[in-house]
Amino acid sequence: MSDDFMPRTAAPAAERPAPSWAKKPPPKTKARTTGKITARRYHAPRDPHEHARKIAENVLDAWYQNFGGSSIDVPLGTVAGLSLLRNVPGLADWVLNLKPEQLPQLLKEIYLGHWIKRPDLLNRAIRLYDWAWNPDPDKQQLRAVHAVTRAAINTGLFDMTGHDDAWQRSEADVLSPLLTGLRHKSDKKWRGEYHTPACITDLMANMTVDKDIQPGMSFREPAVGSGTMFRSVAQRLRDLGRNPHDFHWYGNDIDSLSAGCAAINAIIWDLGPRCLIGCADSLAPDDDYAKTRAEAAEAFEQRDRYMETASTIVAYRRAFALVDQLMPSKENAA
């Protein structure tokens, strides 16, 4: 038999030197340090409407990159709630350092604080914040809410909506580009939801509202959307030296999310106590917003009942505490 068919014993392999890349130290971790987080200084565009679109774009990226899910009311309600805060020194850093599980409690306190003042508008916007009352929230969704909060603040949300001056808070509609961005294209087409650009509403307000306008007049919008037309009219009134509180505002939209955004914007833009936002079919017969008026009246009555009950509970607790102080304990009596 030939040696070519016999198995051969492999020669011992020579020891090779280690490659150059193996001698380098491992790369440093890119994990975020656990120190205090501070808000970034965002150089906002000069155009406030472009700034609002940039906020919406960054919020959308943060929501979907962190797998927030398909519930568009959650990121929308997060930004809406933050927009109701006034920008006091240190607020942005304080919010950024909250943990994901602490954010629902913050949003609940924000919404409840405004519910005491305007229960009718907050009831209209309930779809934006009812998720915060979930006793067993999804942790992944909370992480996405945390990312949305950081994106909104670091893109200068408080610089737009946190002013004490209502005119400055009303320079742009932050919720409109976010709502349209969250809607699926087919969903918007099915609903027929197309928000009028701010440049058009500003032009319409300048053409229709002149210096002869008198307090007590009404503005009605049967397809209010997020309220962009109301924003333009309110700014026009302020430019003319008028106070939006002296006028009546009636807005309606068939979509509950749009109506909720309009209700929150009515607070941000300070349209005043005579502003009513409804959610119904504007083509259906209605006697001068009778249903919206009735729902608003019921909301205030419910608020008053709750406040009366809360006051009674507080009074009883104070009374019991006073009795405990006046009555000697059994040990002292012995």
Protein backbone atom coordinates (compact mmCIF):
# COMPACT_ATOMS: atom_id res chain seq x y z
CA MET A 1 0.00 0.00 0.00
CA SER A 2 1.33 3.41 -0.92
CA ASP A 3 2.29 5.86 1.78
CA ASP A 4 0.00 8.47 0.17
CA PHE A 5 -3.03 6.65 1.60
CA MET A 6 -1.67 6.37 5.14
CA PRO A 7 -2.83 8.91 7.76
CA ARG A 8 -0.18 11.44 8.71
CA THR A 9 0.47 12.92 12.12
CA ALA A 10 0.04 16.71 12.13
CA ALA A 11 3.15 18.65 13.01
CA PRO A 12 2.91 20.85 16.11
CA ALA A 13 1.83 24.36 15.14
CA ALA A 14 4.28 27.13 15.80
CA GLU A 15 3.20 29.66 18.43
CA ARG A 16 2.04 32.86 16.74
CA PRO A 17 2.38 36.30 18.27
CA ALA A 18 -0.82 38.00 19.49
CA PRO A 19 -2.37 40.45 17.02
CA SER A 20 -1.85 44.15 17.59
CA TRP A 21 -5.53 44.81 18.32
CA ALA A 22 -5.50 42.32 21.21
CA LYS A 23 -2.83 44.35 23.03
CA LYS A 24 -5.03 47.46 23.18
CA PRO A 25 -7.13 48.12 26.31
CA PRO A 26 -10.90 47.54 25.96
CA PRO A 27 -12.89 50.60 24.87
CA LYS A 28 -14.44 52.75 27.55
CA THR A 29 -18.13 52.28 28.23
CA LYS A 30 -20.52 54.80 26.76
CA ALA A 31 -23.06 54.34 29.54
CA ARG A 32 -24.44 57.55 31.06
CA THR A 33 -22.99 58.45 34.41
CA THR A 34 -25.25 58.48 37.42
CA GLY A 35 -24.49 62.12 38.23
CA LYS A 36 -26.94 64.99 38.00
CA ILE A 37 -28.31 65.70 34.53
CA THR A 38 -28.59 69.27 33.32
CA ALA A 39 -30.69 70.59 30.47
CA ARG A 40 -28.95 71.29 27.21
CA ARG A 41 -28.95 74.81 25.85
CA TYR A 42 -30.91 74.56 22.64
CA HIS A 43 -30.37 77.18 19.96
CA ALA A 44 -33.93 77.51 18.74
CA PRO A 45 -34.81 78.68 15.23
CA ARG A 46 -35.95 82.28 14.97
CA ASP A 47 -39.27 81.15 13.56
CA PRO A 48 -41.37 79.85 16.50
CA HIS A 49 -43.39 77.58 14.18
CA GLU A 50 -40.18 75.94 12.97
CA HIS A 51 -39.17 75.54 16.60
CA ALA A 52 -42.47 73.78 17.33
CA ARG A 53 -41.91 71.42 14.41
CA LYS A 54 -38.41 70.65 15.68
CA ILE A 55 -39.78 69.77 19.12
CA ALA A 56 -42.33 67.45 17.50
CA GLU A 57 -39.65 65.83 15.33
CA ASN A 58 -37.35 65.09 18.29
CA VAL A 59 -40.23 63.81 20.41
CA LEU A 60 -41.31 61.45 17.62
CA ASP A 61 -37.76 60.11 17.28
CA ALA A 62 -37.48 59.58 21.03
CA TRP A 63 -40.84 57.79 21.24
CA TYR A 64 -40.30 55.36 18.39
CA GLN A 65 -36.61 54.74 19.00
CA ASN A 66 -37.48 53.68 22.54
CA PHE A 67 -40.32 51.41 21.34
CA GLY A 68 -43.07 53.41 23.01
CA GLY A 69 -45.87 51.59 21.20
CA SER A 70 -48.89 52.65 19.20
CA SER A 71 -50.73 54.64 21.91
CA ILE A 72 -50.19 58.11 20.51
CA ASP A 73 -52.11 59.70 23.39
CA VAL A 74 -49.18 58.90 25.72
CA PRO A 75 -46.42 61.02 24.10
CA LEU A 76 -49.00 63.66 23.18
CA GLY A 77 -50.27 63.86 26.75
CA THR A 78 -46.71 63.98 28.11
CA VAL A 79 -45.81 67.02 26.03
CA ALA A 80 -49.19 68.63 26.74
CA GLY A 81 -48.70 68.23 30.48
CA LEU A 82 -45.18 69.66 30.41
CA SER A 83 -46.47 72.58 28.34
CA LEU A 84 -48.71 73.61 31.25
CA LEU A 85 -45.71 74.29 33.51
CA ARG A 86 -44.20 77.73 33.99
CA ASN A 87 -40.45 77.84 33.44
CA VAL A 88 -39.05 78.76 36.87
CA PRO A 89 -35.26 78.56 37.42
CA GLY A 90 -34.09 74.99 37.93
CA LEU A 91 -37.32 73.39 36.74
CA ALA A 92 -35.86 71.81 33.61
CA ASP A 93 -32.97 70.19 35.52
CA TRP A 94 -35.35 68.94 38.24
CA VAL A 95 -37.68 67.27 35.71
CA LEU A 96 -34.77 65.75 33.78
CA ASN A 97 -33.47 64.06 36.95
CA LEU A 98 -36.77 62.34 37.70
CA LYS A 99 -36.87 58.58 37.24
CA PRO A 100 -39.23 57.06 34.65
CA GLU A 101 -41.60 55.75 37.32
CA GLN A 102 -41.87 59.24 38.85
CA LEU A 103 -43.15 60.95 35.70
CA PRO A 104 -46.79 59.73 35.86
CA GLN A 105 -47.13 61.24 39.34
CA LEU A 106 -45.73 64.56 38.06
CA LEU A 107 -48.18 64.62 35.17
CA LYS A 108 -51.10 63.74 37.45
CA GLU A 109 -50.28 66.66 39.74
CA ILE A 110 -50.00 69.03 36.77
CA TYR A 111 -53.34 68.01 35.32
CA LEU A 112 -55.12 67.95 38.70
CA GLY A 113 -53.84 71.44 39.48
CA HIS A 114 -55.42 72.77 36.31
CA TRP A 115 -58.54 70.62 36.75
CA ILE A 116 -59.38 72.60 39.90
CA LYS A 117 -59.40 75.80 37.83
CA ARG A 118 -60.91 74.54 34.57
CA PRO A 119 -62.56 71.14 35.03
CA ASP A 120 -64.47 71.53 31.76
CA LEU A 121 -61.31 71.82 29.66
CA LEU A 122 -59.46 69.08 31.56
CA ASN A 123 -62.41 66.71 31.20
CA ARG A 124 -62.32 67.36 27.47
CA ALA A 125 -58.62 66.44 27.43
CA ILE A 126 -58.98 63.26 29.51
CA ARG A 127 -57.65 61.02 26.71
CA LEU A 128 -54.32 62.81 26.97
CA TYR A 129 -53.64 61.91 30.58
CA ASP A 130 -55.86 59.05 31.80
CA TRP A 131 -52.99 56.61 31.09
CA ALA A 132 -51.02 58.22 33.95
CA TRP A 133 -53.52 56.69 36.43
CA ASN A 134 -52.65 53.14 35.36
CA PRO A 135 -51.78 51.31 38.62
CA ASP A 136 -49.55 48.84 36.75
CA PRO A 137 -47.81 50.85 34.01
CA ASP A 138 -45.72 49.21 31.32
CA LYS A 139 -42.03 49.74 32.15
CA GLN A 140 -41.00 49.98 28.52
CA GLN A 141 -43.64 52.64 27.94
CA LEU A 142 -42.38 54.57 30.96
CA ARG A 143 -38.86 54.50 29.52
CA ALA A 144 -40.24 55.91 26.29
CA VAL A 145 -42.11 58.63 28.23
CA HIS A 146 -38.83 59.43 29.97
CA ALA A 147 -37.10 59.76 26.60
CA VAL A 148 -39.91 61.97 25.28
CA THR A 149 -39.61 64.23 28.33
CA ARG A 150 -35.89 64.66 27.82
CA ALA A 151 -36.26 65.27 24.09
CA ALA A 152 -38.96 67.92 24.59
CA ILE A 153 -37.08 69.80 27.31
CA ASN A 154 -33.71 69.62 25.58
CA THR A 155 -35.29 70.99 22.40
CA GLY A 156 -36.53 74.04 24.28
CA LEU A 157 -40.16 73.24 25.10
CA PHE A 158 -40.12 75.41 28.23
CA ASP A 159 -38.66 78.28 26.20
CA MET A 160 -41.87 78.27 24.16
CA THR A 161 -44.62 77.38 26.60
CA GLY A 162 -43.14 78.31 29.98
CA HIS A 163 -43.40 82.11 29.75
CA ASP A 164 -45.48 84.07 32.22
CA ASP A 165 -46.57 86.29 29.34
CA ALA A 166 -49.46 84.74 27.40
CA TRP A 167 -48.43 86.50 24.18
CA GLN A 168 -45.07 84.71 24.21
CA ARG A 169 -46.70 81.37 25.04
CA SER A 170 -49.00 81.83 22.04
CA GLU A 171 -46.35 82.36 19.38
CA ALA A 172 -46.76 78.81 18.08
CA ASP A 173 -48.85 75.65 18.46
CA VAL A 174 -46.59 72.90 19.82
CA LEU A 175 -49.25 70.18 19.87
CA SER A 176 -50.42 70.50 16.25
CA PRO A 177 -47.23 69.21 14.52
CA LEU A 178 -46.87 66.50 17.16
CA LEU A 179 -50.44 65.26 16.69
CA THR A 180 -50.16 65.19 12.89
CA GLY A 181 -46.77 63.49 13.13
CA LEU A 182 -48.11 60.76 15.39
CA ARG A 183 -51.08 60.08 13.14
CA HIS A 184 -50.58 57.44 10.48
CA LYS A 185 -50.95 58.75 6.93
CA SER A 186 -53.93 56.52 6.22
CA ASP A 187 -55.51 57.52 9.54
CA LYS A 188 -55.28 61.21 8.67
CA LYS A 189 -56.77 60.55 5.23
CA TRP A 190 -59.64 58.52 6.70
CA ARG A 191 -60.40 61.20 9.28
CA GLY A 192 -59.95 64.07 6.83
CA GLU A 193 -57.63 65.67 9.40
CA TYR A 194 -55.50 68.39 7.86
CA HIS A 195 -54.47 71.22 10.18
CA THR A 196 -54.41 74.69 8.63
CA PRO A 197 -50.85 76.11 8.55
CA ALA A 198 -50.15 78.93 10.96
CA CYS A 199 -49.28 81.35 8.16
CA ILE A 200 -52.79 80.92 6.74
CA THR A 201 -54.56 81.31 10.10
CA ASP A 202 -52.48 84.41 10.88
CA LEU A 203 -53.48 85.91 7.53
CA MET A 204 -57.15 85.09 8.11
CA ALA A 205 -57.06 86.62 11.60
CA ASN A 206 -55.46 89.83 10.32
CA MET A 207 -58.08 90.10 7.58
CA THR A 208 -61.18 89.41 9.70
CA VAL A 209 -60.33 90.97 13.08
CA ASP A 210 -60.00 94.75 12.91
CA LYS A 211 -59.67 97.53 15.45
CA ASP A 212 -63.45 98.03 15.62
CA ILE A 213 -64.01 94.67 17.31
CA GLN A 214 -65.86 95.00 20.61
CA PRO A 215 -65.71 92.89 23.82
CA GLY A 216 -68.48 90.32 24.14
CA MET A 217 -68.28 89.14 20.54
CA SER A 218 -67.92 85.42 19.76
CA PHE A 219 -65.47 83.34 17.74
CA ARG A 220 -66.73 79.96 16.53
CA GLU A 221 -64.72 77.19 14.94
CA PRO A 222 -66.69 74.04 13.92
CA ALA A 223 -63.51 72.10 13.04
CA VAL A 224 -61.16 73.48 15.66
CA GLY A 225 -58.42 70.84 15.40
CA SER A 226 -55.79 71.74 17.98
CA GLY A 227 -57.00 75.34 18.02
CA THR A 228 -54.53 76.99 15.65
CA MET A 229 -57.13 79.47 14.39
CA PHE A 230 -57.94 80.52 17.96
CA ARG A 231 -54.24 81.13 18.58
CA SER A 232 -53.99 83.48 15.61
CA VAL A 233 -57.13 85.39 16.62
CA ALA A 234 -55.94 85.72 20.23
CA GLN A 235 -52.59 87.11 19.07
CA ARG A 236 -54.37 89.54 16.77
CA LEU A 237 -56.55 90.74 19.66
CA ARG A 238 -53.52 91.30 21.85
CA ASP A 239 -51.81 93.23 19.07
CA LEU A 240 -54.90 95.47 18.95
CA GLY A 241 -54.79 96.01 22.71
CA ARG A 242 -57.73 93.71 23.44
CA ASN A 243 -57.97 91.01 26.10
CA PRO A 244 -59.06 87.53 24.89
CA HIS A 245 -60.86 87.09 28.23
CA ASP A 246 -63.47 89.62 27.08
CA PHE A 247 -64.62 87.44 24.16
CA HIS A 248 -66.47 84.15 23.75
CA TRP A 249 -64.71 81.18 22.16
CA TYR A 250 -66.63 78.17 20.84
CA GLY A 251 -64.56 75.37 19.34
CA ASN A 252 -65.67 71.89 18.31
CA ASP A 253 -64.04 68.85 16.73
CA ILE A 254 -65.31 65.36 16.07
CA ASP A 255 -61.98 63.79 17.10
CA SER A 256 -61.42 63.51 20.85
CA LEU A 257 -57.63 63.85 20.65
CA SER A 258 -57.86 67.02 18.59
CA ALA A 259 -60.47 68.46 20.94
CA GLY A 260 -58.24 67.54 23.89
CA CYS A 261 -55.30 69.37 22.34
CA ALA A 262 -57.50 72.41 21.74
CA ALA A 263 -58.60 72.34 25.39
CA ILE A 264 -55.00 72.25 26.65
CA ASN A 265 -54.00 74.98 24.21
CA ALA A 266 -56.87 77.13 25.47
CA ILE A 267 -55.13 77.08 28.87
CA ILE A 268 -51.64 77.61 27.45
CA TRP A 269 -52.79 80.55 25.31
CA ASP A 270 -54.97 81.93 28.14
CA LEU A 271 -58.14 82.36 26.10
CA GLY A 272 -60.08 83.05 29.28
CA PRO A 273 -63.09 81.77 31.20
CA ARG A 274 -65.50 82.11 28.26
CA CYS A 275 -63.80 79.44 26.16
CA LEU A 276 -65.72 76.21 25.49
CA ILE A 277 -64.35 73.22 23.58
CA GLY A 278 -66.73 70.50 22.43
CA CYS A 279 -66.32 67.07 20.91
CA ALA A 280 -69.19 66.27 18.59
CA ASP A 281 -70.26 66.24 14.96
CA SER A 282 -70.56 69.86 13.88
CA LEU A 283 -73.02 68.84 11.14
CA ALA A 284 -75.44 67.34 13.67
CA PRO A 285 -78.23 69.61 14.92
CA ASP A 286 -77.22 71.48 18.06
CA ASP A 287 -78.79 74.50 19.71
CA ASP A 288 -75.87 76.94 20.03
CA TYR A 289 -73.42 74.47 21.57
CA ALA A 290 -76.06 73.36 24.08
CA LYS A 291 -74.41 69.99 24.68
CA THR A 292 -70.99 71.57 25.23
CA ARG A 293 -72.48 74.11 27.64
CA ALA A 294 -74.25 71.38 29.61
CA GLU A 295 -71.07 69.27 29.85
CA ALA A 296 -69.10 72.29 31.05
CA ALA A 297 -71.71 73.11 33.72
CA GLU A 298 -71.70 69.49 34.90
CA ALA A 299 -67.89 69.52 35.15
CA PHE A 300 -67.93 72.57 37.43
CA GLU A 301 -70.67 71.05 39.59
CA GLN A 302 -68.66 67.84 39.93
CA ARG A 303 -65.58 69.86 40.87
CA ASP A 304 -67.51 71.73 43.55
CA ARG A 305 -68.86 68.47 45.03
CA TYR A 306 -65.39 66.94 45.18
CA MET A 307 -63.91 70.07 46.74
CA GLU A 308 -66.70 70.21 49.33
CA THR A 309 -66.09 66.55 50.24
CA ALA A 310 -62.35 67.15 50.48
CA SER A 311 -62.90 70.19 52.72
CA THR A 312 -65.18 68.15 54.98
CA ILE A 313 -62.57 65.40 55.33
CA VAL A 314 -59.87 67.93 56.18
CA ALA A 315 -62.14 69.58 58.76
CA TYR A 316 -62.89 66.22 60.44
CA ARG A 317 -59.20 65.32 60.57
CA ARG A 318 -58.35 68.65 62.18
CA ALA A 319 -61.15 68.19 64.69
CA PHE A 320 -59.96 64.71 65.65
CA ALA A 321 -56.39 65.97 65.98
CA LEU A 322 -57.58 68.76 68.29
CA VAL A 323 -59.55 66.29 70.42
CA ASP A 324 -56.45 64.11 70.75
CA GLN A 325 -54.52 67.10 72.02
CA LEU A 326 -57.18 68.17 74.54
CA MET A 327 -58.12 64.73 75.85
CA PRO A 328 -55.51 63.21 78.20
CA SER A 329 -54.29 59.78 77.25
CA LYS A 330 -54.98 56.78 79.48
CA GLU A 331 -51.33 56.49 80.49
CA ASN A 332 -51.21 60.13 81.67
CA ALA A 333 -54.51 59.73 83.55
CA ALA A 334 -53.15 56.72 85.40
